[in-house]
Amino acid sequence: MQDSTNLMLVVALTLAIVFLIVQYFSARQREASQKETIGQLQTQIESRAQQQYESWRVREIAAIHQQQRDIAVREASVALQQWKSENELLIRSDAIGRSQSVIVGKVTEHVVPYLPDFKFNPKDARFVGSPIDLMVFDGLDEDELRNIFFIEVKTGASSSLNSRQRQIRDAVQAGRVKWIELRVDRQDSANGKLF
């Protein structure tokens, strides 16, 4: 009987040892699984933290750039106002001078045929205004037309011809001047026809 008790005791101890071994390996598997889960969570947390940091950094850099632009605009505005106040008299006198020059030029264009140095008969001069100032039909008042002159009046040493005036000058000097006689029939002109 003692042998059967001992045998039962050995079987029970063996079962207990097997149970403990199974429990040990099961705990080791759970521990490994938990370590893996913890590692994954750490990776996710680090990735999320990195994303949040990058997002914050981008926002902060944009905010700093905007602040710098605002400061630069304010400083430029202050500098411009200061420059304007320091140079206002100069700007005004320059504007007045330019205005006076334009007025003198316009008056001179109209008066030049009556000046003593004008070498043509003022009756032969016709004011055109734009793109040239005068056309002179030299000798027309005496019924003896000698030449036709295109005249651009310039006042001041620094004034020069604009591009249209240069084109007209070049066309006249190259002989690219034509005569066209345009006849309009009264009846056709009422209907919008010229020829």
N, C-alpha and C. Protein backbone atom coordinates (compact mmCIF):
# COMPACT_ATOMS: atom_id res chain seq x y z
N MET A 1 0.80 -1.13 0.00
CA MET A 1 0.00 0.00 0.00
C MET A 1 0.89 1.25 0.00
N GLN A 2 1.92 1.09 0.65
CA GLN A 2 2.86 2.19 0.69
C GLN A 2 3.42 2.42 -0.71
N ASP A 3 3.57 1.38 -1.46
CA ASP A 3 4.09 1.55 -2.82
C ASP A 3 3.06 2.30 -3.68
N SER A 4 1.83 2.00 -3.49
CA SER A 4 0.84 2.69 -4.31
C SER A 4 0.71 4.14 -3.86
N THR A 5 0.93 4.42 -2.59
CA THR A 5 0.87 5.79 -2.09
C THR A 5 2.08 6.54 -2.64
N ASN A 6 3.22 5.88 -2.62
CA ASN A 6 4.43 6.52 -3.14
C ASN A 6 4.27 6.78 -4.66
N LEU A 7 3.67 5.82 -5.32
CA LEU A 7 3.49 5.96 -6.75
C LEU A 7 2.54 7.13 -7.04
N MET A 8 1.52 7.26 -6.25
CA MET A 8 0.56 8.34 -6.43
C MET A 8 1.24 9.68 -6.14
N LEU A 9 2.08 9.62 -5.14
CA LEU A 9 2.81 10.84 -4.77
C LEU A 9 3.77 11.24 -5.90
N VAL A 10 4.43 10.27 -6.49
CA VAL A 10 5.37 10.54 -7.59
C VAL A 10 4.58 11.06 -8.80
N VAL A 11 3.41 10.46 -9.09
CA VAL A 11 2.60 10.88 -10.24
C VAL A 11 2.10 12.31 -10.00
N ALA A 12 1.66 12.59 -8.76
CA ALA A 12 1.15 13.91 -8.43
C ALA A 12 2.27 14.93 -8.54
N LEU A 13 3.46 14.55 -8.02
CA LEU A 13 4.61 15.46 -8.13
C LEU A 13 4.98 15.67 -9.59
N THR A 14 4.94 14.66 -10.39
CA THR A 14 5.29 14.76 -11.80
C THR A 14 4.28 15.68 -12.50
N LEU A 15 2.99 15.48 -12.20
CA LEU A 15 1.96 16.31 -12.79
C LEU A 15 2.13 17.77 -12.36
N ALA A 16 2.47 17.95 -11.11
CA ALA A 16 2.68 19.31 -10.60
C ALA A 16 3.87 19.95 -11.31
N ILE A 17 4.95 19.17 -11.48
CA ILE A 17 6.14 19.70 -12.15
C ILE A 17 5.81 20.02 -13.61
N VAL A 18 5.06 19.12 -14.30
CA VAL A 18 4.68 19.37 -15.70
C VAL A 18 3.79 20.61 -15.76
N PHE A 19 2.84 20.73 -14.81
CA PHE A 19 1.96 21.89 -14.77
C PHE A 19 2.77 23.17 -14.58
N LEU A 20 3.74 23.11 -13.67
CA LEU A 20 4.57 24.28 -13.41
C LEU A 20 5.43 24.63 -14.63
N ILE A 21 5.95 23.59 -15.32
CA ILE A 21 6.75 23.83 -16.52
C ILE A 21 5.89 24.49 -17.61
N VAL A 22 4.66 23.96 -17.79
CA VAL A 22 3.74 24.53 -18.79
C VAL A 22 3.42 25.98 -18.42
N GLN A 23 3.16 26.22 -17.13
CA GLN A 23 2.86 27.56 -16.66
C GLN A 23 4.07 28.50 -16.89
N TYR A 24 5.27 27.96 -16.64
CA TYR A 24 6.48 28.76 -16.82
C TYR A 24 6.62 29.19 -18.28
N PHE A 25 6.49 28.21 -19.22
CA PHE A 25 6.63 28.54 -20.64
C PHE A 25 5.49 29.43 -21.14
N SER A 26 4.31 29.23 -20.61
CA SER A 26 3.17 30.08 -20.97
C SER A 26 3.42 31.52 -20.49
N ALA A 27 3.96 31.66 -19.28
CA ALA A 27 4.29 32.99 -18.75
C ALA A 27 5.39 33.64 -19.60
N ARG A 28 6.37 32.84 -20.02
CA ARG A 28 7.46 33.36 -20.87
C ARG A 28 6.90 33.85 -22.21
N GLN A 29 5.93 33.09 -22.78
CA GLN A 29 5.32 33.50 -24.03
C GLN A 29 4.53 34.80 -23.84
N ARG A 30 3.76 34.89 -22.76
CA ARG A 30 3.01 36.12 -22.48
C ARG A 30 3.95 37.30 -22.30
N GLU A 31 5.06 37.04 -21.58
CA GLU A 31 6.05 38.10 -21.36
C GLU A 31 6.65 38.56 -22.69
N ALA A 32 6.99 37.60 -23.59
CA ALA A 32 7.55 37.95 -24.89
C ALA A 32 6.52 38.72 -25.71
N SER A 33 5.26 38.29 -25.67
CA SER A 33 4.19 38.97 -26.40
C SER A 33 3.99 40.39 -25.86
N GLN A 34 4.03 40.52 -24.53
CA GLN A 34 3.87 41.84 -23.91
C GLN A 34 5.05 42.75 -24.26
N LYS A 35 6.27 42.17 -24.28
CA LYS A 35 7.45 42.96 -24.67
C LYS A 35 7.30 43.45 -26.11
N GLU A 36 6.80 42.57 -27.00
CA GLU A 36 6.61 42.95 -28.39
C GLU A 36 5.55 44.06 -28.49
N THR A 37 4.46 43.91 -27.75
CA THR A 37 3.41 44.94 -27.75
C THR A 37 3.95 46.26 -27.21
N ILE A 38 4.73 46.19 -26.13
CA ILE A 38 5.34 47.39 -25.56
C ILE A 38 6.28 48.04 -26.57
N GLY A 39 7.06 47.23 -27.29
CA GLY A 39 7.96 47.76 -28.32
C GLY A 39 7.18 48.46 -29.43
N GLN A 40 6.07 47.83 -29.87
CA GLN A 40 5.24 48.44 -30.90
C GLN A 40 4.64 49.76 -30.41
N LEU A 41 4.15 49.75 -29.17
CA LEU A 41 3.58 50.97 -28.59
C LEU A 41 4.64 52.07 -28.48
N GLN A 42 5.84 51.69 -28.08
CA GLN A 42 6.92 52.68 -27.99
C GLN A 42 7.23 53.27 -29.37
N THR A 43 7.26 52.41 -30.39
CA THR A 43 7.52 52.88 -31.75
C THR A 43 6.42 53.84 -32.20
N GLN A 44 5.15 53.47 -31.93
CA GLN A 44 4.03 54.33 -32.30
C GLN A 44 4.09 55.67 -31.55
N ILE A 45 4.41 55.61 -30.27
CA ILE A 45 4.50 56.84 -29.47
C ILE A 45 5.62 57.72 -29.99
N GLU A 46 6.77 57.12 -30.28
CA GLU A 46 7.90 57.91 -30.79
C GLU A 46 7.55 58.51 -32.16
N SER A 47 6.88 57.73 -33.03
CA SER A 47 6.49 58.23 -34.35
C SER A 47 5.49 59.37 -34.21
N ARG A 48 4.50 59.19 -33.34
CA ARG A 48 3.50 60.24 -33.11
C ARG A 48 4.14 61.49 -32.52
N ALA A 49 5.05 61.29 -31.58
CA ALA A 49 5.75 62.43 -30.98
C ALA A 49 6.57 63.16 -32.04
N GLN A 50 7.24 62.41 -32.92
CA GLN A 50 8.04 63.01 -33.99
C GLN A 50 7.14 63.81 -34.93
N GLN A 51 5.98 63.25 -35.30
CA GLN A 51 5.04 63.95 -36.18
C GLN A 51 4.53 65.24 -35.53
N GLN A 52 4.17 65.15 -34.26
CA GLN A 52 3.69 66.33 -33.56
C GLN A 52 4.79 67.39 -33.46
N TYR A 53 6.01 66.94 -33.20
CA TYR A 53 7.13 67.88 -33.11
C TYR A 53 7.34 68.57 -34.46
N GLU A 54 7.34 67.79 -35.56
CA GLU A 54 7.54 68.36 -36.90
C GLU A 54 6.42 69.34 -37.23
N SER A 55 5.18 68.98 -36.90
CA SER A 55 4.05 69.87 -37.16
C SER A 55 4.21 71.16 -36.36
N TRP A 56 4.58 71.06 -35.11
CA TRP A 56 4.80 72.24 -34.26
C TRP A 56 5.94 73.09 -34.82
N ARG A 57 7.03 72.42 -35.24
CA ARG A 57 8.19 73.13 -35.76
C ARG A 57 7.83 73.91 -37.02
N VAL A 58 7.06 73.28 -37.93
CA VAL A 58 6.65 73.95 -39.16
C VAL A 58 5.78 75.16 -38.84
N ARG A 59 4.82 75.00 -37.91
CA ARG A 59 3.97 76.12 -37.52
C ARG A 59 4.78 77.25 -36.90
N GLU A 60 5.72 76.89 -36.05
CA GLU A 60 6.55 77.91 -35.39
C GLU A 60 7.42 78.65 -36.40
N ILE A 61 8.01 77.92 -37.35
CA ILE A 61 8.84 78.57 -38.38
C ILE A 61 7.97 79.51 -39.22
N ALA A 62 6.77 79.06 -39.60
CA ALA A 62 5.86 79.91 -40.39
C ALA A 62 5.48 81.16 -39.58
N ALA A 63 5.21 80.99 -38.30
CA ALA A 63 4.85 82.13 -37.46
C ALA A 63 6.02 83.11 -37.34
N ILE A 64 7.21 82.58 -37.20
CA ILE A 64 8.41 83.44 -37.10
C ILE A 64 8.62 84.19 -38.41
N HIS A 65 8.47 83.49 -39.54
CA HIS A 65 8.62 84.14 -40.85
C HIS A 65 7.59 85.26 -41.01
N GLN A 66 6.34 84.98 -40.61
CA GLN A 66 5.29 85.99 -40.71
C GLN A 66 5.61 87.19 -39.83
N GLN A 67 6.10 86.93 -38.63
CA GLN A 67 6.47 88.03 -37.73
C GLN A 67 7.60 88.86 -38.34
N GLN A 68 8.57 88.17 -38.94
CA GLN A 68 9.69 88.88 -39.57
C GLN A 68 9.21 89.72 -40.75
N ARG A 69 8.28 89.15 -41.56
CA ARG A 69 7.73 89.92 -42.68
C ARG A 69 6.98 91.15 -42.17
N ASP A 70 6.17 90.95 -41.12
CA ASP A 70 5.42 92.08 -40.56
C ASP A 70 6.36 93.16 -40.04
N ILE A 71 7.41 92.74 -39.36
CA ILE A 71 8.38 93.71 -38.83
C ILE A 71 9.07 94.43 -39.98
N ALA A 72 9.45 93.68 -41.03
CA ALA A 72 10.12 94.29 -42.18
C ALA A 72 9.21 95.30 -42.87
N VAL A 73 7.92 94.95 -43.02
CA VAL A 73 6.97 95.86 -43.66
C VAL A 73 6.81 97.13 -42.81
N ARG A 74 6.68 96.95 -41.49
CA ARG A 74 6.55 98.12 -40.61
C ARG A 74 7.79 99.00 -40.69
N GLU A 75 8.97 98.37 -40.65
CA GLU A 75 10.21 99.14 -40.72
C GLU A 75 10.33 99.86 -42.06
N ALA A 76 9.96 99.18 -43.15
CA ALA A 76 10.02 99.81 -44.47
C ALA A 76 9.04 100.97 -44.56
N SER A 77 7.86 100.77 -43.99
CA SER A 77 6.85 101.83 -44.01
C SER A 77 7.33 103.05 -43.23
N VAL A 78 7.92 102.79 -42.07
CA VAL A 78 8.46 103.90 -41.26
C VAL A 78 9.59 104.60 -42.03
N ALA A 79 10.47 103.82 -42.64
CA ALA A 79 11.59 104.41 -43.40
C ALA A 79 11.06 105.22 -44.58
N LEU A 80 10.02 104.71 -45.27
CA LEU A 80 9.44 105.43 -46.40
C LEU A 80 8.82 106.75 -45.92
N GLN A 81 8.07 106.70 -44.83
CA GLN A 81 7.46 107.93 -44.31
C GLN A 81 8.54 108.93 -43.91
N GLN A 82 9.58 108.45 -43.29
CA GLN A 82 10.68 109.33 -42.90
C GLN A 82 11.33 109.94 -44.13
N TRP A 83 11.58 109.11 -45.16
CA TRP A 83 12.18 109.60 -46.39
C TRP A 83 11.27 110.64 -47.04
N LYS A 84 9.95 110.35 -47.07
CA LYS A 84 9.00 111.29 -47.66
C LYS A 84 9.03 112.63 -46.93
N SER A 85 9.02 112.57 -45.60
CA SER A 85 9.00 113.82 -44.85
C SER A 85 10.30 114.59 -45.04
N GLU A 86 11.42 113.87 -45.15
CA GLU A 86 12.71 114.53 -45.35
C GLU A 86 12.84 115.10 -46.76
N ASN A 87 12.20 114.48 -47.74
CA ASN A 87 12.38 114.87 -49.14
C ASN A 87 11.13 115.52 -49.75
N GLU A 88 10.13 115.80 -48.95
CA GLU A 88 8.87 116.34 -49.47
C GLU A 88 9.09 117.65 -50.21
N LEU A 89 9.87 118.54 -49.64
CA LEU A 89 10.10 119.83 -50.30
C LEU A 89 10.81 119.64 -51.64
N LEU A 90 11.79 118.75 -51.65
CA LEU A 90 12.51 118.47 -52.89
C LEU A 90 11.57 117.88 -53.94
N ILE A 91 10.71 116.93 -53.53
CA ILE A 91 9.77 116.29 -54.44
C ILE A 91 8.79 117.33 -54.99
N ARG A 92 8.28 118.18 -54.10
CA ARG A 92 7.33 119.20 -54.54
C ARG A 92 7.98 120.18 -55.51
N SER A 93 9.19 120.63 -55.18
CA SER A 93 9.85 121.59 -56.08
C SER A 93 10.17 120.93 -57.42
N ASP A 94 10.53 119.64 -57.41
CA ASP A 94 10.79 118.93 -58.67
C ASP A 94 9.50 118.84 -59.48
N ALA A 95 8.38 118.50 -58.83
CA ALA A 95 7.10 118.40 -59.53
C ALA A 95 6.69 119.76 -60.10
N ILE A 96 6.89 120.82 -59.34
CA ILE A 96 6.57 122.17 -59.82
C ILE A 96 7.45 122.52 -61.01
N GLY A 97 8.74 122.19 -60.90
CA GLY A 97 9.67 122.46 -62.00
C GLY A 97 9.26 121.72 -63.26
N ARG A 98 8.88 120.46 -63.11
CA ARG A 98 8.46 119.68 -64.28
C ARG A 98 7.18 120.27 -64.88
N SER A 99 6.25 120.64 -64.03
CA SER A 99 5.00 121.22 -64.49
C SER A 99 5.27 122.53 -65.24
N GLN A 100 6.15 123.34 -64.68
CA GLN A 100 6.49 124.60 -65.34
C GLN A 100 7.13 124.34 -66.71
N SER A 101 7.99 123.32 -66.76
CA SER A 101 8.64 122.99 -68.04
C SER A 101 7.62 122.58 -69.09
N VAL A 102 6.63 121.79 -68.68
CA VAL A 102 5.59 121.35 -69.61
C VAL A 102 4.79 122.54 -70.09
N ILE A 103 4.41 123.42 -69.17
CA ILE A 103 3.61 124.60 -69.54
C ILE A 103 4.41 125.51 -70.47
N VAL A 104 5.67 125.75 -70.13
CA VAL A 104 6.52 126.59 -70.99
C VAL A 104 6.64 125.97 -72.37
N GLY A 105 6.79 124.66 -72.43
CA GLY A 105 6.89 123.97 -73.72
C GLY A 105 5.63 124.12 -74.54
N LYS A 106 4.45 123.96 -73.91
CA LYS A 106 3.17 124.08 -74.63
C LYS A 106 2.97 125.51 -75.15
N VAL A 107 3.28 126.48 -74.31
CA VAL A 107 3.13 127.88 -74.72
C VAL A 107 4.10 128.19 -75.86
N THR A 108 5.33 127.72 -75.73
CA THR A 108 6.35 127.97 -76.75
C THR A 108 5.93 127.40 -78.09
N GLU A 109 5.33 126.21 -78.10
CA GLU A 109 4.88 125.59 -79.35
C GLU A 109 3.91 126.50 -80.10
N HIS A 110 3.04 127.18 -79.36
CA HIS A 110 2.06 128.06 -79.99
C HIS A 110 2.64 129.42 -80.38
N VAL A 111 3.62 129.89 -79.62
CA VAL A 111 4.15 131.23 -79.81
C VAL A 111 5.32 131.27 -80.79
N VAL A 112 6.01 130.16 -80.98
CA VAL A 112 7.24 130.15 -81.76
C VAL A 112 7.10 130.77 -83.16
N PRO A 113 5.97 130.64 -83.87
CA PRO A 113 5.89 131.28 -85.19
C PRO A 113 5.96 132.81 -85.13
N TYR A 114 5.74 133.38 -83.97
CA TYR A 114 5.73 134.84 -83.84
C TYR A 114 7.01 135.39 -83.21
N LEU A 115 7.96 134.51 -82.92
CA LEU A 115 9.24 134.94 -82.35
C LEU A 115 10.14 135.50 -83.46
N PRO A 116 11.03 136.42 -83.09
CA PRO A 116 11.87 137.06 -84.13
C PRO A 116 12.80 136.08 -84.86
N ASP A 117 13.21 134.99 -84.20
CA ASP A 117 14.15 134.05 -84.84
C ASP A 117 13.46 133.04 -85.75
N PHE A 118 12.12 133.04 -85.81
CA PHE A 118 11.39 132.10 -86.67
C PHE A 118 11.60 132.55 -88.10
N LYS A 119 12.19 131.70 -88.94
CA LYS A 119 12.62 132.12 -90.27
C LYS A 119 11.53 131.99 -91.35
N PHE A 120 10.30 131.65 -90.92
CA PHE A 120 9.21 131.51 -91.88
C PHE A 120 8.14 132.58 -91.60
N ASN A 121 7.30 132.79 -92.58
CA ASN A 121 6.16 133.69 -92.41
C ASN A 121 5.18 133.00 -91.45
N PRO A 122 4.78 133.64 -90.34
CA PRO A 122 3.84 133.01 -89.40
C PRO A 122 2.53 132.60 -90.05
N LYS A 123 2.12 133.27 -91.16
CA LYS A 123 0.89 132.90 -91.85
C LYS A 123 1.02 131.55 -92.55
N ASP A 124 2.25 131.11 -92.81
CA ASP A 124 2.47 129.81 -93.45
C ASP A 124 2.50 128.66 -92.45
N ALA A 125 2.55 128.98 -91.15
CA ALA A 125 2.68 127.94 -90.12
C ALA A 125 1.30 127.47 -89.67
N ARG A 126 1.16 126.17 -89.46
CA ARG A 126 -0.08 125.58 -88.95
C ARG A 126 0.26 124.74 -87.72
N PHE A 127 -0.41 125.01 -86.65
CA PHE A 127 -0.18 124.24 -85.43
C PHE A 127 -0.89 122.90 -85.55
N VAL A 128 -0.15 121.81 -85.34
CA VAL A 128 -0.70 120.45 -85.38
C VAL A 128 -0.83 119.91 -83.96
N GLY A 129 0.20 120.06 -83.17
CA GLY A 129 0.16 119.67 -81.76
C GLY A 129 0.67 118.28 -81.48
N SER A 130 0.16 117.28 -82.18
CA SER A 130 0.61 115.92 -81.93
C SER A 130 0.46 115.13 -83.21
N PRO A 131 1.38 114.36 -83.59
CA PRO A 131 2.64 113.99 -82.95
C PRO A 131 3.77 114.97 -83.22
N ILE A 132 3.52 115.96 -84.11
CA ILE A 132 4.51 117.03 -84.29
C ILE A 132 3.81 118.34 -83.95
N ASP A 133 4.61 119.40 -83.76
CA ASP A 133 4.03 120.66 -83.32
C ASP A 133 3.51 121.51 -84.49
N LEU A 134 4.31 121.68 -85.51
CA LEU A 134 3.95 122.61 -86.59
C LEU A 134 4.21 122.00 -87.96
N MET A 135 3.43 122.48 -88.93
CA MET A 135 3.75 122.25 -90.34
C MET A 135 3.85 123.65 -90.95
N VAL A 136 4.89 123.87 -91.71
CA VAL A 136 5.08 125.16 -92.36
C VAL A 136 5.03 124.94 -93.87
N PHE A 137 4.13 125.68 -94.51
CA PHE A 137 4.00 125.65 -95.97
C PHE A 137 4.71 126.92 -96.46
N ASP A 138 6.02 126.82 -96.57
CA ASP A 138 6.88 127.97 -96.85
C ASP A 138 6.52 128.62 -98.20
N GLY A 139 6.09 129.90 -98.15
CA GLY A 139 5.75 130.67 -99.34
C GLY A 139 4.30 130.58 -99.74
N LEU A 140 3.47 129.80 -99.05
CA LEU A 140 2.07 129.61 -99.44
C LEU A 140 1.30 130.92 -99.37
N ASP A 141 1.59 131.75 -98.37
CA ASP A 141 0.88 133.02 -98.23
C ASP A 141 1.16 133.93 -99.42
N GLU A 142 2.29 133.75 -100.07
CA GLU A 142 2.67 134.57 -101.24
C GLU A 142 2.31 133.86 -102.54
N ASP A 143 1.56 132.74 -102.42
CA ASP A 143 1.16 131.91 -103.57
C ASP A 143 2.37 131.37 -104.33
N GLU A 144 3.44 131.08 -103.58
CA GLU A 144 4.66 130.57 -104.18
C GLU A 144 5.25 129.51 -103.25
N LEU A 145 4.59 128.35 -103.11
CA LEU A 145 5.02 127.30 -102.18
C LEU A 145 6.38 126.78 -102.59
N ARG A 146 7.34 126.91 -101.69
CA ARG A 146 8.70 126.44 -101.96
C ARG A 146 8.94 125.06 -101.34
N ASN A 147 8.60 124.93 -100.06
CA ASN A 147 8.81 123.65 -99.35
C ASN A 147 7.75 123.49 -98.27
N ILE A 148 7.64 122.24 -97.82
CA ILE A 148 6.78 121.94 -96.67
C ILE A 148 7.71 121.41 -95.58
N PHE A 149 7.58 121.98 -94.39
CA PHE A 149 8.43 121.58 -93.26
C PHE A 149 7.59 121.02 -92.13
N PHE A 150 8.08 119.94 -91.57
CA PHE A 150 7.52 119.39 -90.34
C PHE A 150 8.41 119.91 -89.22
N ILE A 151 7.84 120.57 -88.23
CA ILE A 151 8.66 121.19 -87.18
C ILE A 151 8.20 120.67 -85.81
N GLU A 152 9.17 120.20 -85.06
CA GLU A 152 8.94 119.80 -83.66
C GLU A 152 9.72 120.79 -82.81
N VAL A 153 9.02 121.49 -81.91
CA VAL A 153 9.62 122.50 -81.05
C VAL A 153 10.04 121.83 -79.75
N LYS A 154 11.30 122.00 -79.38
CA LYS A 154 11.81 121.46 -78.12
C LYS A 154 12.39 122.60 -77.30
N THR A 155 12.07 122.61 -76.02
CA THR A 155 12.62 123.62 -75.12
C THR A 155 13.57 122.91 -74.16
N GLY A 156 14.68 123.49 -73.89
CA GLY A 156 15.64 122.88 -72.96
C GLY A 156 16.63 122.01 -73.70
N ALA A 157 17.82 121.95 -73.14
CA ALA A 157 18.91 121.20 -73.78
C ALA A 157 18.71 119.70 -73.68
N SER A 158 17.98 119.23 -72.67
CA SER A 158 17.88 117.79 -72.46
C SER A 158 16.68 117.16 -73.14
N SER A 159 15.80 117.97 -73.76
CA SER A 159 14.62 117.39 -74.39
C SER A 159 15.01 116.69 -75.69
N SER A 160 14.30 115.62 -76.01
CA SER A 160 14.61 114.84 -77.21
C SER A 160 13.32 114.33 -77.84
N LEU A 161 13.43 113.86 -79.06
CA LEU A 161 12.27 113.34 -79.78
C LEU A 161 11.83 112.01 -79.15
N ASN A 162 10.49 111.80 -79.13
CA ASN A 162 10.02 110.48 -78.69
C ASN A 162 10.05 109.54 -79.90
N SER A 163 9.70 108.29 -79.70
CA SER A 163 9.85 107.29 -80.77
C SER A 163 8.97 107.61 -81.97
N ARG A 164 7.75 108.10 -81.76
CA ARG A 164 6.88 108.44 -82.89
C ARG A 164 7.44 109.61 -83.68
N GLN A 165 7.96 110.61 -82.97
CA GLN A 165 8.54 111.76 -83.65
C GLN A 165 9.78 111.34 -84.45
N ARG A 166 10.57 110.43 -83.91
CA ARG A 166 11.74 109.94 -84.65
C ARG A 166 11.30 109.19 -85.92
N GLN A 167 10.22 108.42 -85.81
CA GLN A 167 9.71 107.70 -86.99
C GLN A 167 9.25 108.67 -88.06
N ILE A 168 8.57 109.72 -87.67
CA ILE A 168 8.12 110.73 -88.63
C ILE A 168 9.33 111.41 -89.27
N ARG A 169 10.30 111.82 -88.45
CA ARG A 169 11.53 112.45 -88.97
C ARG A 169 12.20 111.54 -90.00
N ASP A 170 12.34 110.25 -89.64
CA ASP A 170 13.01 109.30 -90.54
C ASP A 170 12.24 109.12 -91.85
N ALA A 171 10.89 109.09 -91.77
CA ALA A 171 10.08 108.93 -92.98
C ALA A 171 10.23 110.14 -93.88
N VAL A 172 10.22 111.34 -93.31
CA VAL A 172 10.38 112.56 -94.10
C VAL A 172 11.76 112.60 -94.73
N GLN A 173 12.79 112.33 -93.95
CA GLN A 173 14.16 112.37 -94.47
C GLN A 173 14.41 111.31 -95.53
N ALA A 174 13.69 110.19 -95.46
CA ALA A 174 13.86 109.13 -96.45
C ALA A 174 12.97 109.35 -97.67
N GLY A 175 12.17 110.42 -97.65
CA GLY A 175 11.31 110.71 -98.80
C GLY A 175 10.06 109.86 -98.85
N ARG A 176 9.69 109.24 -97.74
CA ARG A 176 8.50 108.39 -97.72
C ARG A 176 7.27 109.25 -97.39
N VAL A 177 7.06 110.29 -98.21
CA VAL A 177 5.93 111.20 -98.03
C VAL A 177 5.12 111.14 -99.31
N LYS A 178 3.82 110.94 -99.20
CA LYS A 178 2.94 110.79 -100.37
C LYS A 178 1.81 111.82 -100.31
N TRP A 179 1.23 112.05 -101.47
CA TRP A 179 0.06 112.92 -101.58
C TRP A 179 -1.12 112.03 -101.95
N ILE A 180 -2.21 112.21 -101.22
CA ILE A 180 -3.44 111.48 -101.55
C ILE A 180 -4.56 112.52 -101.63
N GLU A 181 -5.31 112.43 -102.71
CA GLU A 181 -6.48 113.30 -102.85
C GLU A 181 -7.70 112.44 -102.60
N LEU A 182 -8.46 112.80 -101.62
CA LEU A 182 -9.61 112.01 -101.21
C LEU A 182 -10.87 112.76 -101.60
N ARG A 183 -11.67 112.16 -102.45
CA ARG A 183 -12.92 112.80 -102.88
C ARG A 183 -14.08 112.03 -102.26
N VAL A 184 -14.99 112.79 -101.68
CA VAL A 184 -16.15 112.19 -101.03
C VAL A 184 -17.40 112.68 -101.74
N ASP A 185 -18.16 111.75 -102.25
CA ASP A 185 -19.43 112.09 -102.89
C ASP A 185 -20.45 112.32 -101.79
N ARG A 186 -21.18 113.39 -101.90
CA ARG A 186 -22.14 113.73 -100.84
C ARG A 186 -23.15 112.62 -100.63
N GLN A 187 -23.63 112.05 -101.70
CA GLN A 187 -24.63 111.00 -101.59
C GLN A 187 -24.02 109.75 -100.95
N ASP A 188 -22.80 109.37 -101.34
CA ASP A 188 -22.13 108.20 -100.78
C ASP A 188 -21.71 108.44 -99.33
N SER A 189 -21.33 109.66 -99.01
CA SER A 189 -20.91 109.92 -97.63
C SER A 189 -22.10 109.81 -96.69
N ALA A 190 -23.29 110.10 -97.16
CA ALA A 190 -24.48 109.93 -96.33
C ALA A 190 -24.73 108.46 -96.06
N ASN A 191 -24.30 107.58 -97.00
CA ASN A 191 -24.45 106.14 -96.82
C ASN A 191 -23.25 105.51 -96.17
N GLY A 192 -22.25 106.31 -95.80
CA GLY A 192 -21.05 105.78 -95.14
C GLY A 192 -19.95 105.38 -96.08
N LYS A 193 -20.08 105.66 -97.37
CA LYS A 193 -19.06 105.31 -98.35
C LYS A 193 -18.17 106.53 -98.60
N LEU A 194 -16.86 106.30 -98.74
CA LEU A 194 -15.95 107.40 -99.00
C LEU A 194 -15.62 107.52 -100.47
N PHE A 195 -15.58 106.45 -101.24
CA PHE A 195 -15.16 106.51 -102.65
C PHE A 195 -16.27 106.03 -103.54
